[in-house]
Amino acid sequence: MEDEKKNNQNQINIELSEEMAEGIYSNLAIITHSHAEFVIDFVKMMPGAPKAKVKSRIILTPEHAKRLYKALHDNIRKFESLYGPIKEMPDGGLPPFTLGGPTAQA
């Protein structure tokens, strides 16, 4: 009975609206930080477009950023154990601005 009571006190009800559940596509994340916070901008780059647009910005404390890092690392490890290694860009850098699409010509 005591354990069940403790578990109920540690639970959080999280609401997810229909709009938020649709998600936002991002193919680039830009991370900056100060002494007090980490800022992650999720960007959507379109092939051939001269500029990209920030679709979402998340601001985290350093402690929450580290928790996110650990959770993401753990989930990538689990994903790769089921589906195999995730391929990285050959140079480890940004994807090409064409994002695999055809090169624009005039």
N, C-alpha and C. Protein backbone atom coordinates (compact mmCIF):
# COMPACT_ATOMS: atom_id res chain seq x y z
N MET A 1 0.84 -1.20 0.00
CA MET A 1 0.00 0.00 0.00
C MET A 1 0.88 1.26 0.00
N GLU A 2 1.94 1.27 0.82
CA GLU A 2 2.85 2.42 0.89
C GLU A 2 3.54 2.65 -0.45
N ASP A 3 4.01 1.56 -1.11
CA ASP A 3 4.69 1.67 -2.39
C ASP A 3 3.76 2.24 -3.46
N GLU A 4 2.51 1.79 -3.45
CA GLU A 4 1.52 2.28 -4.41
C GLU A 4 1.27 3.77 -4.21
N LYS A 5 1.22 4.20 -2.97
CA LYS A 5 1.01 5.62 -2.65
C LYS A 5 2.20 6.46 -3.14
N LYS A 6 3.43 5.96 -2.93
CA LYS A 6 4.63 6.67 -3.39
C LYS A 6 4.64 6.78 -4.92
N ASN A 7 4.27 5.67 -5.61
CA ASN A 7 4.24 5.69 -7.07
C ASN A 7 3.24 6.71 -7.59
N ASN A 8 2.07 6.80 -6.97
CA ASN A 8 1.05 7.77 -7.38
C ASN A 8 1.53 9.20 -7.18
N GLN A 9 2.31 9.44 -6.13
CA GLN A 9 2.82 10.78 -5.88
C GLN A 9 3.90 11.17 -6.88
N ASN A 10 4.61 10.21 -7.47
CA ASN A 10 5.68 10.48 -8.42
C ASN A 10 5.19 10.55 -9.86
N GLN A 11 3.93 10.28 -10.13
CA GLN A 11 3.39 10.31 -11.49
C GLN A 11 2.99 11.72 -11.88
N ILE A 12 3.20 12.02 -13.15
CA ILE A 12 2.81 13.32 -13.71
C ILE A 12 1.87 13.06 -14.87
N ASN A 13 0.74 13.72 -14.89
CA ASN A 13 -0.16 13.65 -16.03
C ASN A 13 0.31 14.65 -17.06
N ILE A 14 0.59 14.18 -18.27
CA ILE A 14 1.07 15.04 -19.34
C ILE A 14 0.02 15.07 -20.44
N GLU A 15 -0.40 16.27 -20.80
CA GLU A 15 -1.37 16.43 -21.87
C GLU A 15 -0.65 16.70 -23.18
N LEU A 16 -1.15 16.13 -24.25
CA LEU A 16 -0.61 16.33 -25.58
C LEU A 16 -1.75 16.72 -26.50
N SER A 17 -1.78 17.99 -26.90
CA SER A 17 -2.87 18.45 -27.76
C SER A 17 -2.74 17.81 -29.13
N GLU A 18 -3.84 17.79 -29.87
CA GLU A 18 -3.84 17.20 -31.21
C GLU A 18 -2.85 17.92 -32.12
N GLU A 19 -2.81 19.24 -32.03
CA GLU A 19 -1.89 20.04 -32.84
C GLU A 19 -0.43 19.69 -32.52
N MET A 20 -0.11 19.59 -31.23
CA MET A 20 1.26 19.28 -30.83
C MET A 20 1.63 17.85 -31.20
N ALA A 21 0.66 16.94 -31.17
CA ALA A 21 0.91 15.54 -31.50
C ALA A 21 1.32 15.36 -32.96
N GLU A 22 0.95 16.30 -33.83
CA GLU A 22 1.35 16.22 -35.23
C GLU A 22 2.86 16.37 -35.39
N GLY A 23 3.48 17.10 -34.48
CA GLY A 23 4.93 17.29 -34.53
C GLY A 23 5.35 18.32 -35.56
N ILE A 24 6.61 18.65 -35.53
CA ILE A 24 7.20 19.60 -36.47
C ILE A 24 8.45 18.94 -37.04
N TYR A 25 8.56 18.92 -38.36
CA TYR A 25 9.72 18.32 -39.00
C TYR A 25 10.93 19.23 -38.88
N SER A 26 12.07 18.66 -38.56
CA SER A 26 13.32 19.40 -38.47
C SER A 26 14.43 18.52 -39.02
N ASN A 27 15.31 19.12 -39.84
CA ASN A 27 16.44 18.35 -40.35
C ASN A 27 17.77 19.00 -39.98
N LEU A 28 17.71 19.93 -39.01
CA LEU A 28 18.91 20.57 -38.50
C LEU A 28 18.62 21.11 -37.11
N ALA A 29 19.56 20.93 -36.20
CA ALA A 29 19.44 21.50 -34.86
C ALA A 29 20.69 22.34 -34.60
N ILE A 30 20.47 23.52 -34.08
CA ILE A 30 21.58 24.41 -33.73
C ILE A 30 21.54 24.58 -32.22
N ILE A 31 22.66 24.27 -31.57
CA ILE A 31 22.71 24.31 -30.11
C ILE A 31 23.69 25.39 -29.67
N THR A 32 23.22 26.28 -28.80
CA THR A 32 24.07 27.30 -28.19
C THR A 32 23.87 27.23 -26.69
N HIS A 33 24.78 27.86 -25.95
CA HIS A 33 24.63 27.81 -24.49
C HIS A 33 25.30 29.02 -23.84
N SER A 34 24.86 29.28 -22.65
CA SER A 34 25.48 30.28 -21.77
C SER A 34 25.79 29.55 -20.47
N HIS A 35 26.20 30.29 -19.47
CA HIS A 35 26.46 29.65 -18.18
C HIS A 35 25.18 29.12 -17.53
N ALA A 36 24.03 29.64 -17.94
CA ALA A 36 22.78 29.32 -17.25
C ALA A 36 21.81 28.47 -18.05
N GLU A 37 22.00 28.36 -19.39
CA GLU A 37 21.01 27.65 -20.18
C GLU A 37 21.58 27.14 -21.50
N PHE A 38 20.92 26.12 -22.03
CA PHE A 38 21.17 25.61 -23.37
C PHE A 38 19.97 25.99 -24.22
N VAL A 39 20.22 26.42 -25.44
CA VAL A 39 19.15 26.76 -26.37
C VAL A 39 19.31 25.85 -27.59
N ILE A 40 18.24 25.12 -27.91
CA ILE A 40 18.25 24.26 -29.09
C ILE A 40 17.21 24.80 -30.06
N ASP A 41 17.69 25.23 -31.24
CA ASP A 41 16.81 25.67 -32.31
C ASP A 41 16.67 24.54 -33.31
N PHE A 42 15.44 24.12 -33.55
CA PHE A 42 15.16 23.09 -34.54
C PHE A 42 14.76 23.79 -35.83
N VAL A 43 15.50 23.49 -36.90
CA VAL A 43 15.41 24.21 -38.16
C VAL A 43 14.93 23.28 -39.26
N LYS A 44 14.17 23.84 -40.19
CA LYS A 44 13.74 23.10 -41.38
C LYS A 44 14.39 23.75 -42.59
N MET A 45 15.31 23.01 -43.23
CA MET A 45 15.97 23.50 -44.44
C MET A 45 15.29 22.86 -45.64
N MET A 46 14.98 23.66 -46.64
CA MET A 46 14.35 23.14 -47.85
C MET A 46 15.36 23.17 -49.00
N PRO A 47 15.33 22.16 -49.86
CA PRO A 47 16.26 22.13 -50.99
C PRO A 47 16.16 23.37 -51.85
N GLY A 48 17.30 23.97 -52.14
CA GLY A 48 17.34 25.13 -53.02
C GLY A 48 16.86 26.43 -52.41
N ALA A 49 16.38 26.42 -51.19
CA ALA A 49 15.89 27.64 -50.56
C ALA A 49 17.09 28.44 -50.04
N PRO A 50 17.08 29.77 -50.22
CA PRO A 50 18.21 30.58 -49.79
C PRO A 50 18.33 30.74 -48.27
N LYS A 51 17.27 30.44 -47.55
CA LYS A 51 17.35 30.53 -46.09
C LYS A 51 16.50 29.44 -45.46
N ALA A 52 16.82 29.15 -44.21
CA ALA A 52 16.10 28.13 -43.45
C ALA A 52 15.32 28.82 -42.34
N LYS A 53 14.34 28.11 -41.81
CA LYS A 53 13.47 28.71 -40.80
C LYS A 53 13.51 27.90 -39.51
N VAL A 54 13.67 28.60 -38.39
CA VAL A 54 13.58 27.94 -37.08
C VAL A 54 12.12 27.59 -36.86
N LYS A 55 11.86 26.31 -36.63
CA LYS A 55 10.49 25.85 -36.42
C LYS A 55 10.12 25.74 -34.95
N SER A 56 11.15 25.55 -34.09
CA SER A 56 10.90 25.44 -32.67
C SER A 56 12.18 25.76 -31.91
N ARG A 57 12.04 26.39 -30.76
CA ARG A 57 13.19 26.69 -29.90
C ARG A 57 12.88 26.12 -28.51
N ILE A 58 13.83 25.35 -27.99
CA ILE A 58 13.70 24.77 -26.66
C ILE A 58 14.83 25.33 -25.80
N ILE A 59 14.49 25.84 -24.62
CA ILE A 59 15.48 26.39 -23.70
C ILE A 59 15.52 25.49 -22.47
N LEU A 60 16.72 25.03 -22.13
CA LEU A 60 16.90 24.07 -21.04
C LEU A 60 17.94 24.56 -20.04
N THR A 61 17.77 24.16 -18.79
CA THR A 61 18.85 24.38 -17.82
C THR A 61 19.97 23.39 -18.15
N PRO A 62 21.19 23.65 -17.71
CA PRO A 62 22.27 22.68 -17.95
C PRO A 62 21.94 21.28 -17.42
N GLU A 63 21.28 21.22 -16.28
CA GLU A 63 20.93 19.91 -15.70
C GLU A 63 19.94 19.16 -16.60
N HIS A 64 18.94 19.88 -17.13
CA HIS A 64 17.98 19.24 -18.02
C HIS A 64 18.63 18.86 -19.34
N ALA A 65 19.56 19.68 -19.82
CA ALA A 65 20.28 19.36 -21.05
C ALA A 65 21.06 18.06 -20.90
N LYS A 66 21.67 17.87 -19.75
CA LYS A 66 22.44 16.64 -19.51
C LYS A 66 21.50 15.44 -19.43
N ARG A 67 20.34 15.60 -18.79
CA ARG A 67 19.36 14.52 -18.74
C ARG A 67 18.88 14.16 -20.15
N LEU A 68 18.64 15.18 -20.98
CA LEU A 68 18.23 14.95 -22.36
C LEU A 68 19.32 14.20 -23.12
N TYR A 69 20.56 14.61 -22.95
CA TYR A 69 21.70 13.94 -23.59
C TYR A 69 21.73 12.46 -23.21
N LYS A 70 21.60 12.17 -21.92
CA LYS A 70 21.65 10.78 -21.46
C LYS A 70 20.46 9.98 -22.01
N ALA A 71 19.27 10.57 -22.01
CA ALA A 71 18.09 9.88 -22.52
C ALA A 71 18.21 9.63 -24.03
N LEU A 72 18.72 10.61 -24.77
CA LEU A 72 18.89 10.45 -26.21
C LEU A 72 19.95 9.38 -26.49
N HIS A 73 21.05 9.40 -25.75
CA HIS A 73 22.10 8.40 -25.91
C HIS A 73 21.55 7.00 -25.66
N ASP A 74 20.77 6.84 -24.61
CA ASP A 74 20.18 5.55 -24.27
C ASP A 74 19.22 5.09 -25.36
N ASN A 75 18.41 6.00 -25.87
CA ASN A 75 17.44 5.63 -26.91
C ASN A 75 18.12 5.30 -28.23
N ILE A 76 19.20 5.99 -28.58
CA ILE A 76 19.95 5.66 -29.79
C ILE A 76 20.57 4.27 -29.66
N ARG A 77 21.12 3.97 -28.48
CA ARG A 77 21.70 2.65 -28.25
C ARG A 77 20.63 1.56 -28.43
N LYS A 78 19.44 1.77 -27.88
CA LYS A 78 18.35 0.80 -28.01
C LYS A 78 17.90 0.67 -29.46
N PHE A 79 17.79 1.79 -30.16
CA PHE A 79 17.39 1.79 -31.57
C PHE A 79 18.37 0.97 -32.40
N GLU A 80 19.67 1.26 -32.20
CA GLU A 80 20.70 0.58 -32.98
C GLU A 80 20.79 -0.91 -32.64
N SER A 81 20.46 -1.29 -31.42
CA SER A 81 20.47 -2.72 -31.09
C SER A 81 19.35 -3.45 -31.82
N LEU A 82 18.27 -2.76 -32.14
CA LEU A 82 17.15 -3.37 -32.88
C LEU A 82 17.33 -3.28 -34.39
N TYR A 83 17.80 -2.13 -34.89
CA TYR A 83 17.79 -1.86 -36.32
C TYR A 83 19.16 -1.72 -36.97
N GLY A 84 20.21 -1.78 -36.18
CA GLY A 84 21.56 -1.63 -36.73
C GLY A 84 22.03 -0.19 -36.60
N PRO A 85 23.31 0.03 -36.91
CA PRO A 85 23.91 1.36 -36.73
C PRO A 85 23.25 2.42 -37.60
N ILE A 86 23.13 3.59 -37.05
CA ILE A 86 22.63 4.75 -37.80
C ILE A 86 23.82 5.30 -38.58
N LYS A 87 23.64 5.48 -39.89
CA LYS A 87 24.72 6.00 -40.73
C LYS A 87 24.88 7.49 -40.49
N GLU A 88 26.13 7.91 -40.38
CA GLU A 88 26.44 9.33 -40.21
C GLU A 88 26.92 9.91 -41.52
N MET A 89 26.90 11.24 -41.61
CA MET A 89 27.44 11.93 -42.78
C MET A 89 28.92 11.60 -42.87
N PRO A 90 29.46 11.38 -44.08
CA PRO A 90 30.86 11.02 -44.22
C PRO A 90 31.82 11.99 -43.54
N ASP A 91 31.56 13.28 -43.65
CA ASP A 91 32.47 14.26 -43.04
C ASP A 91 32.03 14.65 -41.63
N GLY A 92 30.93 14.07 -41.15
CA GLY A 92 30.44 14.38 -39.81
C GLY A 92 29.83 15.76 -39.69
N GLY A 93 29.68 16.44 -40.81
CA GLY A 93 29.19 17.82 -40.79
C GLY A 93 27.74 17.94 -41.16
N LEU A 94 27.41 19.10 -41.70
CA LEU A 94 26.04 19.40 -42.11
C LEU A 94 25.67 18.65 -43.37
N PRO A 95 24.39 18.37 -43.54
CA PRO A 95 23.97 17.75 -44.80
C PRO A 95 24.13 18.76 -45.93
N PRO A 96 24.28 18.27 -47.16
CA PRO A 96 24.39 19.22 -48.28
C PRO A 96 23.11 20.03 -48.39
N PHE A 97 23.21 21.25 -48.88
CA PHE A 97 22.03 22.11 -48.96
C PHE A 97 20.99 21.58 -49.93
N THR A 98 21.38 20.68 -50.82
CA THR A 98 20.40 20.08 -51.71
C THR A 98 19.59 19.01 -51.00
N LEU A 99 20.09 18.53 -49.87
CA LEU A 99 19.43 17.48 -49.08
C LEU A 99 19.08 16.28 -49.93
N GLY A 100 19.93 15.99 -50.91
CA GLY A 100 19.72 14.81 -51.73
C GLY A 100 18.84 15.06 -52.93
N GLY A 101 18.27 16.25 -53.05
CA GLY A 101 17.42 16.58 -54.19
C GLY A 101 18.25 16.97 -55.39
N PRO A 102 17.60 17.16 -56.53
CA PRO A 102 18.34 17.55 -57.74
C PRO A 102 18.92 18.95 -57.59
N THR A 103 20.04 19.19 -58.26
CA THR A 103 20.65 20.50 -58.26
C THR A 103 19.84 21.43 -59.15
N ALA A 104 19.56 22.62 -58.65
CA ALA A 104 18.76 23.58 -59.42
C ALA A 104 19.56 24.08 -60.62
N GLN A 105 18.88 24.26 -61.74
CA GLN A 105 19.50 24.79 -62.95
C GLN A 105 18.59 25.85 -63.54
N ALA A 106 19.21 26.85 -64.17
CA ALA A 106 18.42 27.91 -64.81
C ALA A 106 18.13 27.57 -66.23
